Amino acid sequence: MSIFADTLRNSLQKDPRIALRGIGIFPIEERAARPGRKPATGQEIQIPAKKVVKFKTAKEIADAVAQ
C-alpha cells in the first residue's frame, strides 16, 4: 500500500471522520443490512450490515470540475 493509504487507514481506526482541507472528507458510515441477489443464480440473499468509508469532495474542487 501507499503511504497515503496506510496513513488514512490508521487515522480512520482512531477517528470516524478525516478531513483534508481543500480536498474533501472521508467519513465512516453504517450501511444497513439489505436483501440482494446472486448475479449468477438469481438466488435471494441477505447482505449483512457493515461500515464503509465514503468520500465527499470539497466544494472548491467540485465547483472547478463543474465548469
N, C-alpha and C. Protein backbone atom coordinates (compact mmCIF):
# COMPACT_ATOMS: atom_id res chain seq x y z
N MET A 1 0.83 -1.19 0.00
CA MET A 1 0.00 0.00 0.00
C MET A 1 0.87 1.25 0.00
N SER A 2 0.26 2.34 -0.37
CA SER A 2 0.99 3.61 -0.38
C SER A 2 1.02 4.21 1.02
N ILE A 3 1.87 5.17 1.20
CA ILE A 3 1.95 5.87 2.48
C ILE A 3 0.63 6.57 2.78
N PHE A 4 0.01 7.17 1.75
CA PHE A 4 -1.27 7.85 1.94
C PHE A 4 -2.34 6.87 2.43
N ALA A 5 -2.44 5.72 1.78
CA ALA A 5 -3.46 4.73 2.15
C ALA A 5 -3.20 4.20 3.56
N ASP A 6 -1.95 3.94 3.90
CA ASP A 6 -1.61 3.46 5.24
C ASP A 6 -1.98 4.50 6.30
N THR A 7 -1.66 5.75 6.03
CA THR A 7 -1.97 6.83 6.97
C THR A 7 -3.48 7.00 7.13
N LEU A 8 -4.20 6.97 6.01
CA LEU A 8 -5.65 7.11 6.06
C LEU A 8 -6.28 5.96 6.85
N ARG A 9 -5.86 4.73 6.59
CA ARG A 9 -6.39 3.56 7.30
C ARG A 9 -6.13 3.68 8.80
N ASN A 10 -4.91 4.02 9.18
CA ASN A 10 -4.58 4.15 10.60
C ASN A 10 -5.36 5.28 11.26
N SER A 11 -5.54 6.38 10.57
CA SER A 11 -6.29 7.52 11.12
C SER A 11 -7.77 7.19 11.28
N LEU A 12 -8.35 6.47 10.31
CA LEU A 12 -9.78 6.12 10.39
C LEU A 12 -10.05 5.11 11.50
N GLN A 13 -9.05 4.36 11.91
CA GLN A 13 -9.23 3.45 13.04
C GLN A 13 -9.35 4.22 14.34
N LYS A 14 -8.81 5.45 14.38
CA LYS A 14 -8.85 6.27 15.59
C LYS A 14 -10.00 7.28 15.59
N ASP A 15 -10.35 7.78 14.40
CA ASP A 15 -11.36 8.83 14.27
C ASP A 15 -12.27 8.48 13.10
N PRO A 16 -13.60 8.49 13.27
CA PRO A 16 -14.51 8.07 12.20
C PRO A 16 -14.70 9.10 11.08
N ARG A 17 -13.97 10.22 11.11
CA ARG A 17 -14.11 11.23 10.05
C ARG A 17 -12.78 11.96 9.90
N ILE A 18 -12.19 11.85 8.72
CA ILE A 18 -10.93 12.53 8.43
C ILE A 18 -11.19 13.60 7.39
N ALA A 19 -10.75 14.83 7.66
CA ALA A 19 -10.93 15.94 6.73
C ALA A 19 -9.57 16.39 6.21
N LEU A 20 -9.48 16.51 4.90
CA LEU A 20 -8.29 17.07 4.25
C LEU A 20 -8.72 18.40 3.65
N ARG A 21 -8.35 19.47 4.31
CA ARG A 21 -8.80 20.81 3.94
C ARG A 21 -8.50 21.09 2.46
N GLY A 22 -9.55 21.50 1.74
CA GLY A 22 -9.41 21.82 0.33
C GLY A 22 -9.51 20.63 -0.60
N ILE A 23 -9.55 19.41 -0.04
CA ILE A 23 -9.64 18.20 -0.86
C ILE A 23 -10.97 17.50 -0.63
N GLY A 24 -11.29 17.20 0.62
CA GLY A 24 -12.56 16.55 0.93
C GLY A 24 -12.51 15.86 2.28
N ILE A 25 -13.56 15.09 2.56
CA ILE A 25 -13.63 14.36 3.83
C ILE A 25 -13.85 12.87 3.56
N PHE A 26 -13.34 12.05 4.46
CA PHE A 26 -13.52 10.61 4.44
C PHE A 26 -14.27 10.20 5.70
N PRO A 27 -15.62 10.15 5.66
CA PRO A 27 -16.37 9.70 6.84
C PRO A 27 -16.63 8.19 6.78
N ILE A 28 -16.72 7.57 7.94
CA ILE A 28 -17.15 6.17 8.03
C ILE A 28 -18.65 6.20 8.26
N GLU A 29 -19.40 5.44 7.47
CA GLU A 29 -20.85 5.37 7.60
C GLU A 29 -21.29 3.93 7.73
N GLU A 30 -22.41 3.74 8.42
CA GLU A 30 -23.01 2.43 8.58
C GLU A 30 -23.91 2.13 7.39
N ARG A 31 -23.75 0.99 6.78
CA ARG A 31 -24.64 0.56 5.70
C ARG A 31 -25.54 -0.53 6.29
N ALA A 32 -26.84 -0.33 6.20
CA ALA A 32 -27.81 -1.26 6.79
C ALA A 32 -27.83 -2.59 6.03
N ALA A 33 -28.26 -3.63 6.71
CA ALA A 33 -28.45 -4.93 6.06
C ALA A 33 -29.58 -4.77 5.04
N ARG A 34 -29.47 -5.52 3.95
CA ARG A 34 -30.47 -5.40 2.89
C ARG A 34 -30.54 -6.68 2.09
N PRO A 35 -31.67 -6.90 1.42
CA PRO A 35 -31.78 -8.08 0.56
C PRO A 35 -31.02 -7.84 -0.74
N GLY A 36 -30.54 -8.91 -1.34
CA GLY A 36 -29.85 -8.82 -2.62
C GLY A 36 -30.03 -10.11 -3.40
N ARG A 37 -29.37 -10.22 -4.54
CA ARG A 37 -29.43 -11.42 -5.37
C ARG A 37 -28.04 -11.78 -5.84
N LYS A 38 -27.78 -13.08 -5.93
CA LYS A 38 -26.55 -13.56 -6.53
C LYS A 38 -26.70 -13.40 -8.05
N PRO A 39 -25.79 -12.69 -8.70
CA PRO A 39 -25.94 -12.46 -10.14
C PRO A 39 -25.95 -13.75 -10.97
N ALA A 40 -25.18 -14.73 -10.60
CA ALA A 40 -25.07 -15.95 -11.41
C ALA A 40 -26.32 -16.82 -11.34
N THR A 41 -26.95 -16.86 -10.16
CA THR A 41 -28.07 -17.79 -9.98
C THR A 41 -29.41 -17.10 -9.79
N GLY A 42 -29.39 -15.82 -9.41
CA GLY A 42 -30.63 -15.11 -9.13
C GLY A 42 -31.18 -15.42 -7.75
N GLN A 43 -30.47 -16.24 -6.98
CA GLN A 43 -30.91 -16.62 -5.64
C GLN A 43 -30.91 -15.39 -4.73
N GLU A 44 -31.99 -15.24 -3.94
CA GLU A 44 -32.07 -14.13 -2.98
C GLU A 44 -31.15 -14.42 -1.81
N ILE A 45 -30.43 -13.39 -1.37
CA ILE A 45 -29.54 -13.50 -0.22
C ILE A 45 -29.73 -12.27 0.67
N GLN A 46 -29.25 -12.35 1.89
CA GLN A 46 -29.28 -11.22 2.81
C GLN A 46 -27.86 -10.66 2.87
N ILE A 47 -27.69 -9.41 2.49
CA ILE A 47 -26.40 -8.74 2.56
C ILE A 47 -26.29 -8.14 3.96
N PRO A 48 -25.25 -8.50 4.72
CA PRO A 48 -25.15 -8.04 6.11
C PRO A 48 -24.81 -6.55 6.21
N ALA A 49 -25.12 -5.96 7.36
CA ALA A 49 -24.75 -4.58 7.65
C ALA A 49 -23.24 -4.49 7.76
N LYS A 50 -22.69 -3.32 7.40
CA LYS A 50 -21.26 -3.13 7.55
C LYS A 50 -20.93 -1.65 7.54
N LYS A 51 -19.71 -1.33 7.94
CA LYS A 51 -19.22 0.04 7.91
C LYS A 51 -18.46 0.23 6.59
N VAL A 52 -18.65 1.40 5.98
CA VAL A 52 -17.96 1.71 4.73
C VAL A 52 -17.34 3.10 4.83
N VAL A 53 -16.25 3.31 4.09
CA VAL A 53 -15.62 4.62 4.01
C VAL A 53 -16.15 5.31 2.77
N LYS A 54 -16.66 6.51 2.93
CA LYS A 54 -17.17 7.31 1.82
C LYS A 54 -16.17 8.43 1.56
N PHE A 55 -16.38 9.17 0.48
CA PHE A 55 -15.57 10.35 0.20
C PHE A 55 -16.47 11.44 -0.32
N LYS A 56 -16.35 12.62 0.25
CA LYS A 56 -17.10 13.78 -0.22
C LYS A 56 -16.10 14.85 -0.62
N THR A 57 -16.16 15.24 -1.89
CA THR A 57 -15.23 16.22 -2.44
C THR A 57 -15.48 17.61 -1.86
N ALA A 58 -14.40 18.34 -1.64
CA ALA A 58 -14.52 19.72 -1.17
C ALA A 58 -15.22 20.57 -2.23
N LYS A 59 -15.93 21.58 -1.78
CA LYS A 59 -16.71 22.44 -2.67
C LYS A 59 -15.82 23.07 -3.74
N GLU A 60 -14.62 23.51 -3.39
CA GLU A 60 -13.72 24.16 -4.35
C GLU A 60 -13.40 23.23 -5.52
N ILE A 61 -13.14 21.97 -5.24
CA ILE A 61 -12.82 21.02 -6.32
C ILE A 61 -14.06 20.69 -7.12
N ALA A 62 -15.18 20.46 -6.45
CA ALA A 62 -16.43 20.15 -7.16
C ALA A 62 -16.82 21.29 -8.09
N ASP A 63 -16.68 22.53 -7.62
CA ASP A 63 -17.03 23.69 -8.46
C ASP A 63 -16.08 23.82 -9.65
N ALA A 64 -14.79 23.55 -9.44
CA ALA A 64 -13.82 23.66 -10.53
C ALA A 64 -14.07 22.64 -11.62
N VAL A 65 -14.49 21.44 -11.25
CA VAL A 65 -14.75 20.37 -12.21
C VAL A 65 -16.06 20.64 -12.96
N ALA A 66 -17.02 21.26 -12.31
CA ALA A 66 -18.33 21.50 -12.91
C ALA A 66 -18.29 22.58 -13.99
N GLN A 67 -17.25 23.37 -14.05
CA GLN A 67 -17.18 24.47 -15.04
C GLN A 67 -16.84 23.97 -16.41
